[in-house]
Amino acid sequence: MADYARSGIKVTVLTNGYSATDVALVHAGYAPWRRRLLRAGVRLFETVAEVRDAPSKKQRRQGNRLGIGSRLRPSGSGSFAALRSGAATIHAKTITADRERLFVGSFNFDPRSLRLNTELGFVIYSPVLAGQVAEAFETIVPGAAYQVTLDERDRLHWTGERGSGAREPGLGFLDSLLIGFASRLPISWLL
């Protein structure tokens, strides 16, 4: 993505912010890439969970954010647990190219999805659908997510309709320590 952006291709990404993910370790695998993407010219947006959806401090202490469970899946983790709990989540990867082609699927474009998971996706040639997705990135996404940018001192900054600041929305002090520690572990191939 960074290479595309550096070559002049407009690249915009919408992904989960920390408060909208159910596995902190996965977020730790993503977080270190932000600066590299932004420096290359990628536009980056992150979703956040609504306050009513956020896990309590007690749930976090019980391991909920470490991948042992989920704020949306209190009866365990995985797709079957989500069905048992009645929770519904969206986990699709959607990519549009040149307003002509569209990829939609669960495949993560990482080594784990390639070698371990049985995830897939579809490439669809449809200028109408691809154009609608591209248009959503221009009209809907900026109002529904935080835009992540770099300030003049190369620090991350989040700006959205709910406010702006230099702290990631929904990321507390202990969460920040966990993400900082986990992002330095040699486990990215597992995430």
C-alpha atoms as a PDB file:
ATOM      1  CA  MET A   1       0.000   0.000   0.000  1.00  0.00           C
ATOM      2  CA  ALA A   2       2.838   2.367   0.832  1.00  0.00           C
ATOM      3  CA  ASP A   3       4.491   1.695  -2.527  1.00  0.00           C
ATOM      4  CA  TYR A   4       1.223   2.443  -4.352  1.00  0.00           C
ATOM      5  CA  ALA A   5       0.735   5.677  -2.412  1.00  0.00           C
ATOM      6  CA  ARG A   6       4.326   6.792  -3.070  1.00  0.00           C
ATOM      7  CA  SER A   7       3.819   6.185  -6.792  1.00  0.00           C
ATOM      8  CA  GLY A   8       0.879   8.601  -6.824  1.00  0.00           C
ATOM      9  CA  ILE A   9      -2.014   6.151  -6.507  1.00  0.00           C
ATOM     10  CA  LYS A  10      -4.656   7.310  -4.035  1.00  0.00           C
ATOM     11  CA  VAL A  11      -4.812   4.763  -1.204  1.00  0.00           C
ATOM     12  CA  THR A  12      -7.356   5.072   1.604  1.00  0.00           C
ATOM     13  CA  VAL A  13      -7.693   2.527   4.418  1.00  0.00           C
ATOM     14  CA  LEU A  14     -10.504   2.071   6.939  1.00  0.00           C
ATOM     15  CA  THR A  15      -9.711  -0.337   9.764  1.00  0.00           C
ATOM     16  CA  ASN A  16     -10.561  -0.950  13.412  1.00  0.00           C
ATOM     17  CA  GLY A  17      -9.195   1.331  16.083  1.00  0.00           C
ATOM     18  CA  TYR A  18      -8.287  -0.243  19.408  1.00  0.00           C
ATOM     19  CA  SER A  19     -11.709   0.220  20.980  1.00  0.00           C
ATOM     20  CA  ALA A  20     -13.410  -1.454  18.008  1.00  0.00           C
ATOM     21  CA  THR A  21     -11.284  -4.591  18.001  1.00  0.00           C
ATOM     22  CA  ASP A  22     -11.916  -7.585  20.196  1.00  0.00           C
ATOM     23  CA  VAL A  23      -8.316  -8.859  20.323  1.00  0.00           C
ATOM     24  CA  ALA A  24      -5.654  -6.496  21.623  1.00  0.00           C
ATOM     25  CA  LEU A  25      -2.799  -8.589  20.255  1.00  0.00           C
ATOM     26  CA  VAL A  26      -4.086  -8.187  16.705  1.00  0.00           C
ATOM     27  CA  HIS A  27      -4.160  -4.420  17.198  1.00  0.00           C
ATOM     28  CA  ALA A  28      -0.562  -4.614  18.436  1.00  0.00           C
ATOM     29  CA  GLY A  29       0.362  -6.202  15.119  1.00  0.00           C
ATOM     30  CA  TYR A  30      -1.219  -3.332  13.169  1.00  0.00           C
ATOM     31  CA  ALA A  31      -0.301  -0.284  15.268  1.00  0.00           C
ATOM     32  CA  PRO A  32       3.433  -0.115  14.398  1.00  0.00           C
ATOM     33  CA  TRP A  33       2.607   0.214  10.670  1.00  0.00           C
ATOM     34  CA  ARG A  34       0.622   3.446  10.974  1.00  0.00           C
ATOM     35  CA  ARG A  35       3.526   5.877  10.666  1.00  0.00           C
ATOM     36  CA  ARG A  36       5.015   4.075   7.673  1.00  0.00           C
ATOM     37  CA  LEU A  37       1.660   4.147   5.874  1.00  0.00           C
ATOM     38  CA  LEU A  38       1.024   7.799   6.701  1.00  0.00           C
ATOM     39  CA  ARG A  39       4.528   8.916   5.697  1.00  0.00           C
ATOM     40  CA  ALA A  40       3.986   7.223   2.325  1.00  0.00           C
ATOM     41  CA  GLY A  41       0.774   9.191   1.762  1.00  0.00           C
ATOM     42  CA  VAL A  42      -1.871   6.597   2.656  1.00  0.00           C
ATOM     43  CA  ARG A  43      -5.070   8.149   4.058  1.00  0.00           C
ATOM     44  CA  LEU A  44      -5.888   6.210   7.226  1.00  0.00           C
ATOM     45  CA  PHE A  45      -9.214   6.011   9.047  1.00  0.00           C
ATOM     46  CA  GLU A  46     -10.058   3.999  12.177  1.00  0.00           C
ATOM     47  CA  THR A  47     -13.425   3.061  13.585  1.00  0.00           C
ATOM     48  CA  VAL A  48     -14.132   3.227  17.291  1.00  0.00           C
ATOM     49  CA  ALA A  49     -16.642   1.402  19.440  1.00  0.00           C
ATOM     50  CA  GLU A  50     -19.503   3.326  20.912  1.00  0.00           C
ATOM     51  CA  VAL A  51     -19.184   3.949  24.652  1.00  0.00           C
ATOM     52  CA  ARG A  52     -22.079   1.587  25.353  1.00  0.00           C
ATOM     53  CA  ASP A  53     -20.168  -1.241  23.629  1.00  0.00           C
ATOM     54  CA  ALA A  54     -16.865  -0.700  25.406  1.00  0.00           C
ATOM     55  CA  PRO A  55     -15.809  -3.420  27.850  1.00  0.00           C
ATOM     56  CA  SER A  56     -15.745  -2.549  31.516  1.00  0.00           C
ATOM     57  CA  LYS A  57     -12.473  -2.372  33.437  1.00  0.00           C
ATOM     58  CA  LYS A  58     -13.496  -5.589  35.196  1.00  0.00           C
ATOM     59  CA  GLN A  59     -13.938  -7.375  31.838  1.00  0.00           C
ATOM     60  CA  ARG A  60     -10.493  -6.197  30.700  1.00  0.00           C
ATOM     61  CA  ARG A  61      -8.877  -7.446  33.921  1.00  0.00           C
ATOM     62  CA  GLN A  62     -10.505 -10.837  33.324  1.00  0.00           C
ATOM     63  CA  GLY A  63      -8.625 -11.183  30.046  1.00  0.00           C
ATOM     64  CA  ASN A  64     -11.397 -10.170  27.675  1.00  0.00           C
ATOM     65  CA  ARG A  65      -9.149  -7.932  25.566  1.00  0.00           C
ATOM     66  CA  LEU A  66      -6.350 -10.478  25.282  1.00  0.00           C
ATOM     67  CA  GLY A  67      -8.245 -12.726  22.901  1.00  0.00           C
ATOM     68  CA  ILE A  68      -9.626 -15.072  25.545  1.00  0.00           C
ATOM     69  CA  GLY A  69     -13.092 -13.777  24.860  1.00  0.00           C
ATOM     70  CA  SER A  70     -14.745 -10.720  23.483  1.00  0.00           C
ATOM     71  CA  ARG A  71     -16.934  -7.880  24.566  1.00  0.00           C
ATOM     72  CA  LEU A  72     -19.293  -9.015  21.814  1.00  0.00           C
ATOM     73  CA  ARG A  73     -18.890 -12.739  22.466  1.00  0.00           C
ATOM     74  CA  PRO A  74     -19.102 -13.305  26.201  1.00  0.00           C
ATOM     75  CA  SER A  75     -19.428 -17.081  25.875  1.00  0.00           C
ATOM     76  CA  GLY A  76     -15.989 -17.638  24.335  1.00  0.00           C
ATOM     77  CA  SER A  77     -14.405 -16.644  21.086  1.00  0.00           C
ATOM     78  CA  GLY A  78     -14.845 -17.446  17.429  1.00  0.00           C
ATOM     79  CA  SER A  79     -17.756 -17.509  15.028  1.00  0.00           C
ATOM     80  CA  PHE A  80     -19.726 -20.179  16.848  1.00  0.00           C
ATOM     81  CA  ALA A  81     -19.508 -18.273  20.119  1.00  0.00           C
ATOM     82  CA  ALA A  82     -20.831 -15.200  18.339  1.00  0.00           C
ATOM     83  CA  LEU A  83     -23.808 -17.182  17.106  1.00  0.00           C
ATOM     84  CA  ARG A  84     -24.428 -18.621  20.567  1.00  0.00           C
ATOM     85  CA  SER A  85     -24.391 -15.199  22.176  1.00  0.00           C
ATOM     86  CA  GLY A  86     -26.629 -13.626  19.552  1.00  0.00           C
ATOM     87  CA  ALA A  87     -23.939 -11.075  18.700  1.00  0.00           C
ATOM     88  CA  ALA A  88     -23.289 -10.070  15.127  1.00  0.00           C
ATOM     89  CA  THR A  89     -20.055  -8.640  13.844  1.00  0.00           C
ATOM     90  CA  ILE A  90     -18.816  -7.509  10.457  1.00  0.00           C
ATOM     91  CA  HIS A  91     -15.401  -8.764   9.500  1.00  0.00           C
ATOM     92  CA  ALA A  92     -15.183  -8.289   5.737  1.00  0.00           C
ATOM     93  CA  LYS A  93     -12.205  -6.970   3.836  1.00  0.00           C
ATOM     94  CA  THR A  94     -13.320  -4.800   0.950  1.00  0.00           C
ATOM     95  CA  ILE A  95     -11.002  -3.302  -1.634  1.00  0.00           C
ATOM     96  CA  THR A  96     -11.842  -1.347  -4.732  1.00  0.00           C
ATOM     97  CA  ALA A  97      -9.446  -0.602  -7.582  1.00  0.00           C
ATOM     98  CA  ASP A  98      -9.939   1.974 -10.324  1.00  0.00           C
ATOM     99  CA  ARG A  99     -13.670   2.133  -9.567  1.00  0.00           C
ATOM    100  CA  GLU A 100     -14.006  -1.010 -11.681  1.00  0.00           C
ATOM    101  CA  ARG A 101     -13.031  -4.012  -9.568  1.00  0.00           C
ATOM    102  CA  LEU A 102     -13.988  -4.959  -6.060  1.00  0.00           C
ATOM    103  CA  PHE A 103     -12.631  -7.557  -3.640  1.00  0.00           C
ATOM    104  CA  VAL A 104     -14.911  -8.694  -0.811  1.00  0.00           C
ATOM    105  CA  GLY A 105     -13.982 -11.442   1.595  1.00  0.00           C
ATOM    106  CA  SER A 106     -12.591 -12.511   4.943  1.00  0.00           C
ATOM    107  CA  PHE A 107      -9.040 -13.094   3.705  1.00  0.00           C
ATOM    108  CA  ASN A 108      -6.583 -10.881   5.647  1.00  0.00           C
ATOM    109  CA  PHE A 109      -3.734 -10.642   3.084  1.00  0.00           C
ATOM    110  CA  ASP A 110      -1.241 -11.849   5.661  1.00  0.00           C
ATOM    111  CA  PRO A 111       0.801 -15.041   6.197  1.00  0.00           C
ATOM    112  CA  ARG A 112      -1.649 -16.473   8.728  1.00  0.00           C
ATOM    113  CA  SER A 113      -4.615 -16.178   6.362  1.00  0.00           C
ATOM    114  CA  LEU A 114      -2.548 -17.565   3.514  1.00  0.00           C
ATOM    115  CA  ARG A 115      -1.119 -20.585   5.335  1.00  0.00           C
ATOM    116  CA  LEU A 116      -3.376 -21.406   8.290  1.00  0.00           C
ATOM    117  CA  ASN A 117      -6.899 -20.076   7.896  1.00  0.00           C
ATOM    118  CA  THR A 118      -9.526 -21.207   5.444  1.00  0.00           C
ATOM    119  CA  GLU A 119     -10.589 -17.708   4.473  1.00  0.00           C
ATOM    120  CA  LEU A 120     -11.485 -16.532   1.012  1.00  0.00           C
ATOM    121  CA  GLY A 121     -12.707 -13.646  -1.047  1.00  0.00           C
ATOM    122  CA  PHE A 122     -14.272 -12.761  -4.366  1.00  0.00           C
ATOM    123  CA  VAL A 123     -13.005 -10.424  -7.050  1.00  0.00           C
ATOM    124  CA  ILE A 124     -15.993  -8.805  -8.715  1.00  0.00           C
ATOM    125  CA  TYR A 125     -15.859  -6.771 -11.901  1.00  0.00           C
ATOM    126  CA  SER A 126     -18.581  -4.185 -11.399  1.00  0.00           C
ATOM    127  CA  PRO A 127     -17.944  -0.494 -12.035  1.00  0.00           C
ATOM    128  CA  VAL A 128     -21.258   0.263 -10.279  1.00  0.00           C
ATOM    129  CA  LEU A 129     -20.409  -1.567  -7.030  1.00  0.00           C
ATOM    130  CA  ALA A 130     -16.748  -0.519  -7.052  1.00  0.00           C
ATOM    131  CA  GLY A 131     -17.803   3.088  -7.622  1.00  0.00           C
ATOM    132  CA  GLN A 132     -20.237   2.954  -4.707  1.00  0.00           C
ATOM    133  CA  VAL A 133     -17.526   1.676  -2.364  1.00  0.00           C
ATOM    134  CA  ALA A 134     -15.084   4.332  -3.566  1.00  0.00           C
ATOM    135  CA  GLU A 135     -17.747   7.018  -3.119  1.00  0.00           C
ATOM    136  CA  ALA A 136     -18.440   5.821   0.447  1.00  0.00           C
ATOM    137  CA  PHE A 137     -14.781   6.439   1.278  1.00  0.00           C
ATOM    138  CA  GLU A 138     -15.194  10.036   0.172  1.00  0.00           C
ATOM    139  CA  THR A 139     -18.610  10.776   1.680  1.00  0.00           C
ATOM    140  CA  ILE A 140     -19.397   8.408   4.570  1.00  0.00           C
ATOM    141  CA  VAL A 141     -16.098   7.231   6.066  1.00  0.00           C
ATOM    142  CA  PRO A 142     -14.742  10.686   7.040  1.00  0.00           C
ATOM    143  CA  GLY A 143     -17.839  11.336   9.163  1.00  0.00           C
ATOM    144  CA  ALA A 144     -18.034   7.861  10.674  1.00  0.00           C
ATOM    145  CA  ALA A 145     -14.431   7.237  11.701  1.00  0.00           C
ATOM    146  CA  TYR A 146     -11.383   9.027  13.029  1.00  0.00           C
ATOM    147  CA  GLN A 147      -8.791  10.093  10.493  1.00  0.00           C
ATOM    148  CA  VAL A 148      -5.278   9.307  11.666  1.00  0.00           C
ATOM    149  CA  THR A 149      -2.596  11.774  10.611  1.00  0.00           C
ATOM    150  CA  LEU A 150       0.919  12.765  11.594  1.00  0.00           C
ATOM    151  CA  ASP A 151       1.553  16.140  13.159  1.00  0.00           C
ATOM    152  CA  GLU A 152       4.603  18.328  12.558  1.00  0.00           C
ATOM    153  CA  ARG A 153       6.568  16.333  15.175  1.00  0.00           C
ATOM    154  CA  ASP A 154       5.736  12.942  13.575  1.00  0.00           C
ATOM    155  CA  ARG A 155       3.222  12.073  16.295  1.00  0.00           C
ATOM    156  CA  LEU A 156      -0.036  10.312  15.536  1.00  0.00           C
ATOM    157  CA  HIS A 157      -3.172  12.425  15.754  1.00  0.00           C
ATOM    158  CA  TRP A 158      -6.839  11.317  15.583  1.00  0.00           C
ATOM    159  CA  THR A 159      -9.496  13.674  14.207  1.00  0.00           C
ATOM    160  CA  GLY A 160     -13.209  12.918  13.997  1.00  0.00           C
ATOM    161  CA  GLU A 161     -16.665  14.277  14.647  1.00  0.00           C
ATOM    162  CA  ARG A 162     -16.331  13.275  18.314  1.00  0.00           C
ATOM    163  CA  GLY A 163     -13.194  15.384  18.743  1.00  0.00           C
ATOM    164  CA  SER A 164      -9.495  15.137  18.155  1.00  0.00           C
ATOM    165  CA  GLY A 165      -6.319  14.473  20.041  1.00  0.00           C
ATOM    166  CA  ALA A 166      -2.945  12.837  20.272  1.00  0.00           C
ATOM    167  CA  ARG A 167      -4.264   9.819  22.224  1.00  0.00           C
ATOM    168  CA  GLU A 168      -5.896   6.950  20.415  1.00  0.00           C
ATOM    169  CA  PRO A 169      -9.637   6.950  21.196  1.00  0.00           C
ATOM    170  CA  GLY A 170     -10.534   4.246  23.691  1.00  0.00           C
ATOM    171  CA  LEU A 171      -6.929   3.413  24.559  1.00  0.00           C
ATOM    172  CA  GLY A 172      -6.226   3.772  28.260  1.00  0.00           C
ATOM    173  CA  PHE A 173      -2.834   3.885  29.956  1.00  0.00           C
ATOM    174  CA  LEU A 174      -2.661   0.147  30.707  1.00  0.00           C
ATOM    175  CA  ASP A 175      -3.962  -0.678  27.242  1.00  0.00           C
ATOM    176  CA  SER A 176      -1.214   1.511  25.788  1.00  0.00           C
ATOM    177  CA  LEU A 177       1.432  -0.361  27.778  1.00  0.00           C
ATOM    178  CA  LEU A 178       0.036  -3.719  26.617  1.00  0.00           C
ATOM    179  CA  ILE A 179      -0.016  -2.652  22.960  1.00  0.00           C
ATOM    180  CA  GLY A 180       3.475  -1.150  23.212  1.00  0.00           C
ATOM    181  CA  PHE A 181       4.896  -4.316  24.759  1.00  0.00           C
ATOM    182  CA  ALA A 182       3.059  -6.736  22.460  1.00  0.00           C
ATOM    183  CA  SER A 183       3.995  -4.795  19.319  1.00  0.00           C
ATOM    184  CA  ARG A 184       7.671  -5.453  20.082  1.00  0.00           C
ATOM    185  CA  LEU A 185       7.257  -9.228  20.408  1.00  0.00           C
ATOM    186  CA  PRO A 186       8.271 -11.371  17.407  1.00  0.00           C
ATOM    187  CA  ILE A 187       4.712 -12.633  16.914  1.00  0.00           C
ATOM    188  CA  SER A 188       3.512 -10.675  13.880  1.00  0.00           C
ATOM    189  CA  TRP A 189       3.478 -13.862  11.799  1.00  0.00           C
ATOM    190  CA  LEU A 190       0.807 -15.208  14.179  1.00  0.00           C
ATOM    191  CA  LEU A 191      -1.423 -12.165  13.911  1.00  0.00           C
END
